[in-house]
Amino acid sequence: MTPEGNRRCTCSAAAALSLVLVASSLPAGADGGGRSVPGGLQAVRQLVADLGPRGAINRLAADSVAFYAFLGGVAEAKDEWLDLAVQLVAVSDGYARDSLVEAFSGALERKPEEVLVRGASGIPLPVVCAYDPFMPISSIRTRQQFFAALEPRERAVTGVKRLDLAAAKQACLAALAKLKANVPARYTP
C-alpha cells in the first residue's frame, strides 16, 4: 500500500480534526472566557434546546466552523456526542445528513459497539456502514485504495462480540459486502 492509499482525509475532515484539537485544549464547553465553543457539546445542546433538532441542525450546518467542530466530536465516538448526533441525523438532509453519516462512519471504526447500539435510535446504520470513504474527495482513487479504506471499518465491526448487537452487526457487514460487491465505477482498476 502506498502512502497515497492510506490518505483518507478530506478537507472537511482535516478541518474538523484541527478544530477538535483546538477545542480539546480548552476547558470542556468553554473557550477560556466562559463562553460556549461553537460546535462544542454544550453549544449544540443549547441549540437543540432552543430551536429543536431541525432548527439546530440547520443553524449548525450554516456555520462551517461550528459544524466541522461538531462533526469531529461525533467522529471521535464519545457517547454524549453520538447521542446528540442521533437526534440531529434523524431530521437532517442533504449536506448535513451526508456529513453526519460520514462522521458516524468514522466513529464506527473507533467504537463500533457505540455506533451499532444507536442503530435502533435513528442512525441510518446500513448507510453509515456502507459509506464510501472517498465520497467527498473529487480525485479519482483506485479499487485497491477503496478496498483498503474499508478494511478498518470491516475489521472493527467484525470484532464486535456483544450478542445483543448481532443483528446490527450482520446488517452492517451485509451493507459493507454490498458496497464491496458493487464498487463504484469511478474507481480505476
Foldseek 3Di string as FASTA:
>chain_A
DDPVLVDLADPLQVLLVVLLVQQVVDPQQDPVVRHGDQLGLVVLVVQCVVPNLQRSLVVNVVDSNNVSPLLSVLLCPDLSSVVSLQRNLQNDDDPSVLSNLLSLLSNCLVAVVSSLVCVVVRNVLLCSLLPQSCVVPDDAAALVSRVVVNVSNLVSLVPDDDPVSVVSSVSSVVSNVVCNVCPDPSHHD
